[in-house]
PDB file of N, CA and C in Angstrom:
ATOM      1  N   UNK A   1       0.815  -1.199   0.000  1.00  0.00           N
ATOM      2  CA  UNK A   1       0.000   0.000   0.000  1.00  0.00           C
ATOM      3  C   UNK A   1       0.859   1.264   0.000  1.00  0.00           C
ATOM      4  N   UNK A   2       2.023   1.210   0.650  1.00  0.00           N
ATOM      5  CA  UNK A   2       2.883   2.392   0.679  1.00  0.00           C
ATOM      6  C   UNK A   2       3.415   2.696  -0.713  1.00  0.00           C
ATOM      7  N   UNK A   3       3.737   1.683  -1.505  1.00  0.00           N
ATOM      8  CA  UNK A   3       4.217   1.905  -2.864  1.00  0.00           C
ATOM      9  C   UNK A   3       3.192   2.607  -3.722  1.00  0.00           C
ATOM     10  N   UNK A   4       1.911   2.286  -3.550  1.00  0.00           N
ATOM     11  CA  UNK A   4       0.855   2.938  -4.306  1.00  0.00           C
ATOM     12  C   UNK A   4       0.761   4.412  -3.926  1.00  0.00           C
ATOM     13  N   UNK A   5       0.859   4.700  -2.633  1.00  0.00           N
ATOM     14  CA  UNK A   5       0.812   6.083  -2.175  1.00  0.00           C
ATOM     15  C   UNK A   5       1.992   6.876  -2.720  1.00  0.00           C
ATOM     16  N   UNK A   6       3.167   6.311  -2.685  1.00  0.00           N
ATOM     17  CA  UNK A   6       4.342   6.998  -3.199  1.00  0.00           C
ATOM     18  C   UNK A   6       4.208   7.257  -4.694  1.00  0.00           C
ATOM     19  N   UNK A   7       3.671   6.280  -5.429  1.00  0.00           N
ATOM     20  CA  UNK A   7       3.482   6.467  -6.863  1.00  0.00           C
ATOM     21  C   UNK A   7       2.502   7.607  -7.131  1.00  0.00           C
ATOM     22  N   UNK A   8       1.443   7.685  -6.350  1.00  0.00           N
ATOM     23  CA  UNK A   8       0.470   8.776  -6.516  1.00  0.00           C
ATOM     24  C   UNK A   8       1.106  10.117  -6.159  1.00  0.00           C
ATOM     25  N   UNK A   9       1.917  10.136  -5.114  1.00  0.00           N
ATOM     26  CA  UNK A   9       2.602  11.374  -4.734  1.00  0.00           C
ATOM     27  C   UNK A   9       3.555  11.839  -5.829  1.00  0.00           C
ATOM     28  N   UNK A  10       4.294  10.898  -6.395  1.00  0.00           N
ATOM     29  CA  UNK A  10       5.242  11.237  -7.455  1.00  0.00           C
ATOM     30  C   UNK A  10       4.489  11.720  -8.690  1.00  0.00           C
ATOM     31  N   UNK A  11       3.390  11.065  -9.025  1.00  0.00           N
ATOM     32  CA  UNK A  11       2.587  11.485 -10.183  1.00  0.00           C
ATOM     33  C   UNK A  11       2.025  12.887  -9.969  1.00  0.00           C
ATOM     34  N   UNK A  12       1.565  13.155  -8.768  1.00  0.00           N
ATOM     35  CA  UNK A  12       1.035  14.483  -8.464  1.00  0.00           C
ATOM     36  C   UNK A  12       2.153  15.532  -8.509  1.00  0.00           C
ATOM     37  N   UNK A  13       3.330  15.187  -7.983  1.00  0.00           N
ATOM     38  CA  UNK A  13       4.469  16.110  -8.027  1.00  0.00           C
ATOM     39  C   UNK A  13       4.872  16.384  -9.474  1.00  0.00           C
ATOM     40  N   UNK A  14       4.856  15.356 -10.313  1.00  0.00           N
ATOM     41  CA  UNK A  14       5.211  15.534 -11.721  1.00  0.00           C
ATOM     42  C   UNK A  14       4.201  16.451 -12.415  1.00  0.00           C
ATOM     43  N   UNK A  15       2.911  16.272 -12.126  1.00  0.00           N
ATOM     44  CA  UNK A  15       1.879  17.126 -12.723  1.00  0.00           C
ATOM     45  C   UNK A  15       2.012  18.570 -12.225  1.00  0.00           C
ATOM     46  N   UNK A  16       2.292  18.747 -10.952  1.00  0.00           N
ATOM     47  CA  UNK A  16       2.469  20.081 -10.397  1.00  0.00           C
ATOM     48  C   UNK A  16       3.696  20.760 -11.007  1.00  0.00           C
ATOM     49  N   UNK A  17       4.773  19.996 -11.162  1.00  0.00           N
ATOM     50  CA  UNK A  17       5.976  20.548 -11.784  1.00  0.00           C
ATOM     51  C   UNK A  17       5.689  21.003 -13.215  1.00  0.00           C
ATOM     52  N   UNK A  18       4.927  20.211 -13.948  1.00  0.00           N
ATOM     53  CA  UNK A  18       4.587  20.581 -15.326  1.00  0.00           C
ATOM     54  C   UNK A  18       3.809  21.896 -15.356  1.00  0.00           C
ATOM     55  N   UNK A  19       2.856  22.042 -14.451  1.00  0.00           N
ATOM     56  CA  UNK A  19       2.077  23.289 -14.397  1.00  0.00           C
ATOM     57  C   UNK A  19       2.938  24.464 -13.958  1.00  0.00           C
ATOM     58  N   UNK A  20       3.825  24.243 -12.996  1.00  0.00           N
ATOM     59  CA  UNK A  20       4.720  25.313 -12.551  1.00  0.00           C
ATOM     60  C   UNK A  20       5.667  25.733 -13.670  1.00  0.00           C
ATOM     61  N   UNK A  21       6.139  24.759 -14.445  1.00  0.00           N
ATOM     62  CA  UNK A  21       7.016  25.098 -15.572  1.00  0.00           C
ATOM     63  C   UNK A  21       6.255  25.890 -16.630  1.00  0.00           C
ATOM     64  N   UNK A  22       5.014  25.498 -16.899  1.00  0.00           N
ATOM     65  CA  UNK A  22       4.202  26.261 -17.857  1.00  0.00           C
ATOM     66  C   UNK A  22       4.003  27.695 -17.352  1.00  0.00           C
ATOM     67  N   UNK A  23       3.713  27.808 -16.067  1.00  0.00           N
ATOM     68  CA  UNK A  23       3.511  29.125 -15.455  1.00  0.00           C
ATOM     69  C   UNK A  23       4.800  29.953 -15.529  1.00  0.00           C
ATOM     70  N   UNK A  24       5.942  29.334 -15.212  1.00  0.00           N
ATOM     71  CA  UNK A  24       7.227  30.029 -15.274  1.00  0.00           C
ATOM     72  C   UNK A  24       7.530  30.456 -16.709  1.00  0.00           C
ATOM     73  N   UNK A  25       7.219  29.613 -17.665  1.00  0.00           N
ATOM     74  CA  UNK A  25       7.440  29.950 -19.077  1.00  0.00           C
ATOM     75  C   UNK A  25       6.592  31.155 -19.466  1.00  0.00           C
ATOM     76  N   UNK A  26       5.333  31.159 -19.037  1.00  0.00           N
ATOM     77  CA  UNK A  26       4.438  32.285 -19.321  1.00  0.00           C
ATOM     78  C   UNK A  26       4.956  33.568 -18.669  1.00  0.00           C
ATOM     79  N   UNK A  27       5.368  33.469 -17.413  1.00  0.00           N
ATOM     80  CA  UNK A  27       5.899  34.642 -16.711  1.00  0.00           C
ATOM     81  C   UNK A  27       7.147  35.177 -17.399  1.00  0.00           C
ATOM     82  N   UNK A  28       8.041  34.289 -17.803  1.00  0.00           N
ATOM     83  CA  UNK A  28       9.271  34.721 -18.469  1.00  0.00           C
ATOM     84  C   UNK A  28       8.951  35.399 -19.796  1.00  0.00           C
ATOM     85  N   UNK A  29       7.974  34.881 -20.522  1.00  0.00           N
ATOM     86  CA  UNK A  29       7.574  35.509 -21.791  1.00  0.00           C
ATOM     87  C   UNK A  29       6.992  36.898 -21.552  1.00  0.00           C
ATOM     88  N   UNK A  30       6.124  37.003 -20.547  1.00  0.00           N
ATOM     89  CA  UNK A  30       5.526  38.300 -20.225  1.00  0.00           C
ATOM     90  C   UNK A  30       6.585  39.292 -19.759  1.00  0.00           C
ATOM     91  N   UNK A  31       7.527  38.828 -18.943  1.00  0.00           N
ATOM     92  CA  UNK A  31       8.599  39.693 -18.461  1.00  0.00           C
ATOM     93  C   UNK A  31       9.450  40.186 -19.640  1.00  0.00           C
ATOM     94  N   UNK A  32       9.738  39.314 -20.556  1.00  0.00           N
ATOM     95  CA  UNK A  32      10.523  39.698 -21.727  1.00  0.00           C
ATOM     96  C   UNK A  32       9.812  40.781 -22.535  1.00  0.00           C
ATOM     97  N   UNK A  33       8.496  40.639 -22.687  1.00  0.00           N
ATOM     98  CA  UNK A  33       7.734  41.658 -23.419  1.00  0.00           C
ATOM     99  C   UNK A  33       7.753  42.993 -22.682  1.00  0.00           C
ATOM    100  N   UNK A  34       7.567  42.963 -21.364  1.00  0.00           N
ATOM    101  CA  UNK A  34       7.559  44.202 -20.576  1.00  0.00           C
ATOM    102  C   UNK A  34       8.924  44.874 -20.646  1.00  0.00           C
ATOM    103  N   UNK A  35       9.983  44.085 -20.521  1.00  0.00           N
ATOM    104  CA  UNK A  35      11.329  44.668 -20.532  1.00  0.00           C
ATOM    105  C   UNK A  35      11.731  45.204 -21.909  1.00  0.00           C
ATOM    106  N   UNK A  36      11.099  44.718 -22.953  1.00  0.00           N
ATOM    107  CA  UNK A  36      11.460  45.184 -24.297  1.00  0.00           C
ATOM    108  C   UNK A  36      10.684  46.436 -24.717  1.00  0.00           C
ATOM    109  N   UNK A  37       9.702  46.845 -23.920  1.00  0.00           N
ATOM    110  CA  UNK A  37       8.949  48.052 -24.258  1.00  0.00           C
ATOM    111  C   UNK A  37       9.835  49.283 -24.093  1.00  0.00           C
ATOM    112  N   UNK A  38       9.732  50.216 -25.017  1.00  0.00           N
ATOM    113  CA  UNK A  38      10.575  51.414 -24.899  1.00  0.00           C
ATOM    114  C   UNK A  38      10.079  52.324 -23.766  1.00  0.00           C
ATOM    115  N   UNK A  39      11.013  52.898 -23.059  1.00  0.00           N
ATOM    116  CA  UNK A  39      10.696  53.879 -22.012  1.00  0.00           C
ATOM    117  C   UNK A  39      10.604  55.255 -22.638  1.00  0.00           C
ATOM    118  N   UNK A  40       9.561  55.989 -22.323  1.00  0.00           N
ATOM    119  CA  UNK A  40       9.468  57.377 -22.800  1.00  0.00           C
ATOM    120  C   UNK A  40      10.495  58.213 -22.049  1.00  0.00           C
ATOM    121  N   UNK A  41      10.370  58.250 -20.735  1.00  0.00           N
ATOM    122  CA  UNK A  41      11.382  58.889 -19.892  1.00  0.00           C
ATOM    123  C   UNK A  41      11.481  58.058 -18.619  1.00  0.00           C
ATOM    124  N   UNK A  42      12.592  58.198 -17.960  1.00  0.00           N
ATOM    125  CA  UNK A  42      12.829  57.383 -16.764  1.00  0.00           C
ATOM    126  C   UNK A  42      11.870  57.712 -15.628  1.00  0.00           C
ATOM    127  N   UNK A  43      11.286  58.913 -15.658  1.00  0.00           N
ATOM    128  CA  UNK A  43      10.441  59.322 -14.536  1.00  0.00           C
ATOM    129  C   UNK A  43       8.968  59.390 -14.895  1.00  0.00           C
ATOM    130  N   UNK A  44       8.595  58.960 -16.070  1.00  0.00           N
ATOM    131  CA  UNK A  44       7.182  59.020 -16.457  1.00  0.00           C
ATOM    132  C   UNK A  44       6.373  57.976 -15.676  1.00  0.00           C
ATOM    133  N   UNK A  45       5.110  58.191 -15.585  1.00  0.00           N
ATOM    134  CA  UNK A  45       4.225  57.235 -14.895  1.00  0.00           C
ATOM    135  C   UNK A  45       4.247  55.893 -15.625  1.00  0.00           C
ATOM    136  N   UNK A  46       4.290  55.941 -16.943  1.00  0.00           N
ATOM    137  CA  UNK A  46       4.334  54.701 -17.727  1.00  0.00           C
ATOM    138  C   UNK A  46       5.599  53.913 -17.406  1.00  0.00           C
ATOM    139  N   UNK A  47       6.732  54.590 -17.327  1.00  0.00           N
ATOM    140  CA  UNK A  47       7.993  53.922 -17.012  1.00  0.00           C
ATOM    141  C   UNK A  47       7.952  53.317 -15.613  1.00  0.00           C
ATOM    142  N   UNK A  48       7.422  54.057 -14.661  1.00  0.00           N
ATOM    143  CA  UNK A  48       7.305  53.528 -13.288  1.00  0.00           C
ATOM    144  C   UNK A  48       6.388  52.313 -13.258  1.00  0.00           C
ATOM    145  N   UNK A  49       5.294  52.393 -13.992  1.00  0.00           N
ATOM    146  CA  UNK A  49       4.352  51.281 -14.053  1.00  0.00           C
ATOM    147  C   UNK A  49       5.002  50.035 -14.662  1.00  0.00           C
ATOM    148  N   UNK A  50       5.785  50.227 -15.703  1.00  0.00           N
ATOM    149  CA  UNK A  50       6.473  49.091 -16.331  1.00  0.00           C
ATOM    150  C   UNK A  50       7.503  48.484 -15.393  1.00  0.00           C
ATOM    151  N   UNK A  51       8.214  49.327 -14.657  1.00  0.00           N
ATOM    152  CA  UNK A  51       9.189  48.798 -13.700  1.00  0.00           C
ATOM    153  C   UNK A  51       8.506  48.004 -12.597  1.00  0.00           C
ATOM    154  N   UNK A  52       7.362  48.518 -12.118  1.00  0.00           N
ATOM    155  CA  UNK A  52       6.607  47.775 -11.097  1.00  0.00           C
ATOM    156  C   UNK A  52       6.145  46.434 -11.639  1.00  0.00           C
ATOM    157  N   UNK A  53       5.618  46.439 -12.869  1.00  0.00           N
ATOM    158  CA  UNK A  53       5.129  45.203 -13.481  1.00  0.00           C
ATOM    159  C   UNK A  53       6.276  44.212 -13.657  1.00  0.00           C
ATOM    160  N   UNK A  54       7.420  44.693 -14.118  1.00  0.00           N
ATOM    161  CA  UNK A  54       8.584  43.819 -14.289  1.00  0.00           C
ATOM    162  C   UNK A  54       9.037  43.255 -12.949  1.00  0.00           C
ATOM    163  N   UNK A  55       9.042  44.098 -11.915  1.00  0.00           N
ATOM    164  CA  UNK A  55       9.431  43.633 -10.573  1.00  0.00           C
ATOM    165  C   UNK A  55       8.496  42.536 -10.086  1.00  0.00           C
ATOM    166  N   UNK A  56       7.192  42.742 -10.277  1.00  0.00           N
ATOM    167  CA  UNK A  56       6.209  41.743  -9.849  1.00  0.00           C
ATOM    168  C   UNK A  56       6.371  40.435 -10.622  1.00  0.00           C
ATOM    169  N   UNK A  57       6.614  40.544 -11.914  1.00  0.00           N
ATOM    170  CA  UNK A  57       6.816  39.341 -12.729  1.00  0.00           C
ATOM    171  C   UNK A  57       8.082  38.605 -12.306  1.00  0.00           C
ATOM    172  N   UNK A  58       9.159  39.342 -12.022  1.00  0.00           N
ATOM    173  CA  UNK A  58      10.392  38.701 -11.545  1.00  0.00           C
ATOM    174  C   UNK A  58      10.171  37.972 -10.230  1.00  0.00           C
ATOM    175  N   UNK A  59       9.432  38.613  -9.320  1.00  0.00           N
ATOM    176  CA  UNK A  59       9.153  37.984  -8.030  1.00  0.00           C
ATOM    177  C   UNK A  59       8.353  36.696  -8.226  1.00  0.00           C
ATOM    178  N   UNK A  60       7.316  36.740  -9.067  1.00  0.00           N
ATOM    179  CA  UNK A  60       6.506  35.549  -9.332  1.00  0.00           C
ATOM    180  C   UNK A  60       7.321  34.458 -10.010  1.00  0.00           C
ATOM    181  N   UNK A  61       8.194  34.849 -10.932  1.00  0.00           N
ATOM    182  CA  UNK A  61       9.044  33.875 -11.612  1.00  0.00           C
ATOM    183  C   UNK A  61      10.015  33.228 -10.628  1.00  0.00           C
ATOM    184  N   UNK A  62      10.606  34.025  -9.757  1.00  0.00           N
ATOM    185  CA  UNK A  62      11.502  33.468  -8.729  1.00  0.00           C
ATOM    186  C   UNK A  62      10.766  32.492  -7.825  1.00  0.00           C
ATOM    187  N   UNK A  63       9.530  32.824  -7.470  1.00  0.00           N
ATOM    188  CA  UNK A  63       8.743  31.930  -6.616  1.00  0.00           C
ATOM    189  C   UNK A  63       8.444  30.621  -7.336  1.00  0.00           C
ATOM    190  N   UNK A  64       8.081  30.679  -8.605  1.00  0.00           N
ATOM    191  CA  UNK A  64       7.812  29.460  -9.372  1.00  0.00           C
ATOM    192  C   UNK A  64       9.065  28.594  -9.451  1.00  0.00           C
ATOM    193  N   UNK A  65      10.213  29.226  -9.704  1.00  0.00           N
ATOM    194  CA  UNK A  65      11.473  28.471  -9.763  1.00  0.00           C
ATOM    195  C   UNK A  65      11.806  27.839  -8.419  1.00  0.00           C
ATOM    196  N   UNK A  66      11.571  28.579  -7.336  1.00  0.00           N
ATOM    197  CA  UNK A  66      11.804  28.042  -5.992  1.00  0.00           C
ATOM    198  C   UNK A  66      10.935  26.811  -5.751  1.00  0.00           C
ATOM    199  N   UNK A  67       9.659  26.900  -6.116  1.00  0.00           N
ATOM    200  CA  UNK A  67       8.752  25.773  -5.907  1.00  0.00           C
ATOM    201  C   UNK A  67       9.158  24.563  -6.743  1.00  0.00           C
ATOM    202  N   UNK A  68       9.612  24.798  -7.967  1.00  0.00           N
ATOM    203  CA  UNK A  68      10.087  23.693  -8.806  1.00  0.00           C
ATOM    204  C   UNK A  68      11.306  23.039  -8.158  1.00  0.00           C
ATOM    205  N   UNK A  69      12.224  23.850  -7.669  1.00  0.00           N
ATOM    206  CA  UNK A  69      13.410  23.307  -6.993  1.00  0.00           C
ATOM    207  C   UNK A  69      13.029  22.504  -5.757  1.00  0.00           C
ATOM    208  N   UNK A  70      12.040  22.986  -5.009  1.00  0.00           N
ATOM    209  CA  UNK A  70      11.589  22.257  -3.822  1.00  0.00           C
ATOM    210  C   UNK A  70      10.958  20.915  -4.196  1.00  0.00           C
ATOM    211  N   UNK A  71      10.203  20.886  -5.286  1.00  0.00           N
ATOM    212  CA  UNK A  71       9.645  19.619  -5.762  1.00  0.00           C
ATOM    213  C   UNK A  71      10.750  18.642  -6.145  1.00  0.00           C
ATOM    214  N   UNK A  72      11.796  19.142  -6.803  1.00  0.00           N
ATOM    215  CA  UNK A  72      12.914  18.284  -7.182  1.00  0.00           C
ATOM    216  C   UNK A  72      13.624  17.753  -5.942  1.00  0.00           C
ATOM    217  N   UNK A  73      13.751  18.585  -4.925  1.00  0.00           N
ATOM    218  CA  UNK A  73      14.413  18.146  -3.693  1.00  0.00           C
ATOM    219  C   UNK A  73      13.570  17.091  -2.971  1.00  0.00           C
ATOM    220  N   UNK A  74      12.263  17.285  -2.957  1.00  0.00           N
ATOM    221  CA  UNK A  74      11.370  16.370  -2.240  1.00  0.00           C
ATOM    222  C   UNK A  74      11.110  15.086  -3.024  1.00  0.00           C
ATOM    223  N   UNK A  75      11.052  15.199  -4.356  1.00  0.00           N
ATOM    224  CA  UNK A  75      10.753  14.054  -5.213  1.00  0.00           C
ATOM    225  C   UNK A  75      11.810  13.945  -6.312  1.00  0.00           C
ATOM    226  N   UNK A  76      13.029  13.501  -5.968  1.00  0.00           N
ATOM    227  CA  UNK A  76      14.069  13.413  -6.996  1.00  0.00           C
ATOM    228  C   UNK A  76      13.715  12.431  -8.106  1.00  0.00           C
ATOM    229  N   UNK A  77      12.820  11.503  -7.843  1.00  0.00           N
ATOM    230  CA  UNK A  77      12.469  10.502  -8.850  1.00  0.00           C
ATOM    231  C   UNK A  77      11.560  11.050  -9.955  1.00  0.00           C
ATOM    232  N   UNK A  78      11.077  12.283  -9.828  1.00  0.00           N
ATOM    233  CA  UNK A  78      10.194  12.792 -10.878  1.00  0.00           C
ATOM    234  C   UNK A  78      10.949  13.025 -12.174  1.00  0.00           C
ATOM    235  N   UNK A  79      12.269  13.095 -12.121  1.00  0.00           N
ATOM    236  CA  UNK A  79      13.064  13.230 -13.342  1.00  0.00           C
ATOM    237  C   UNK A  79      13.404  11.886 -13.960  1.00  0.00           C
ATOM    238  N   UNK A  80      13.119  10.798 -13.262  1.00  0.00           N
ATOM    239  CA  UNK A  80      13.483   9.476 -13.759  1.00  0.00           C
ATOM    240  C   UNK A  80      12.773   9.143 -15.062  1.00  0.00           C
ATOM    241  N   UNK A  81      11.537   9.608 -15.214  1.00  0.00           N
ATOM    242  CA  UNK A  81      10.754   9.304 -16.414  1.00  0.00           C
ATOM    243  C   UNK A  81      10.978  10.332 -17.512  1.00  0.00           C
ATOM    244  N   UNK A  82      11.806  11.331 -17.288  1.00  0.00           N
ATOM    245  CA  UNK A  82      12.060  12.347 -18.292  1.00  0.00           C
ATOM    246  C   UNK A  82      11.109  13.501 -18.162  1.00  0.00           C
ATOM    247  N   UNK A  83      11.280  14.487 -19.024  1.00  0.00           N
ATOM    248  CA  UNK A  83      10.475  15.703 -18.940  1.00  0.00           C
ATOM    249  C   UNK A  83       9.742  15.994 -20.229  1.00  0.00           C
ATOM    250  N   UNK A  84       9.583  15.014 -21.086  1.00  0.00           N
ATOM    251  CA  UNK A  84       9.006  15.264 -22.395  1.00  0.00           C
ATOM    252  C   UNK A  84       7.579  15.799 -22.307  1.00  0.00           C
ATOM    253  N   UNK A  85       6.841  15.444 -21.279  1.00  0.00           N
ATOM    254  CA  UNK A  85       5.460  15.913 -21.140  1.00  0.00           C
ATOM    255  C   UNK A  85       5.384  17.316 -20.518  1.00  0.00           C
ATOM    256  N   UNK A  86       6.484  17.757 -19.939  1.00  0.00           N
ATOM    257  CA  UNK A  86       6.503  19.069 -19.292  1.00  0.00           C
ATOM    258  C   UNK A  86       6.684  20.178 -20.311  1.00  0.00           C
ATOM    259  N   UNK A  87       6.323  21.366 -19.874  1.00  0.00           N
ATOM    260  CA  UNK A  87       6.605  22.560 -20.668  1.00  0.00           C
ATOM    261  C   UNK A  87       8.113  22.797 -20.638  1.00  0.00           C
ATOM    262  N   UNK A  88       8.600  23.661 -21.469  1.00  0.00           N
ATOM    263  CA  UNK A  88      10.057  23.934 -21.462  1.00  0.00           C
ATOM    264  C   UNK A  88      10.519  24.311 -20.063  1.00  0.00           C
ATOM    265  N   UNK A  89      11.691  23.819 -19.714  1.00  0.00           N
ATOM    266  CA  UNK A  89      12.207  24.144 -18.385  1.00  0.00           C
ATOM    267  C   UNK A  89      12.611  25.606 -18.345  1.00  0.00           C
ATOM    268  N   UNK A  90      12.596  26.153 -17.157  1.00  0.00           N
ATOM    269  CA  UNK A  90      12.964  27.553 -17.001  1.00  0.00           C
ATOM    270  C   UNK A  90      14.415  27.642 -17.147  1.00  0.00           C
TER     271      UNK A  90
END
């Protein structure tokens, strides 16, 4: 019975990792778009807003990466089957 529970835990960790990677990929894409926007002036409201948005996206991306690393630490066997079903790694 313990083997079945561990298999379910590993499967759930693998699914969570896939979703976190998709989320991290989306965040990185959005951050890249925000950072590539031209600044009118360094002190304009638009520039401040873009910097805030970029900061928030970086924080969310760092959190997603941290959670992925924690999953790898807790479930090292999730890499045993490969990552072909996952979104691109961060």
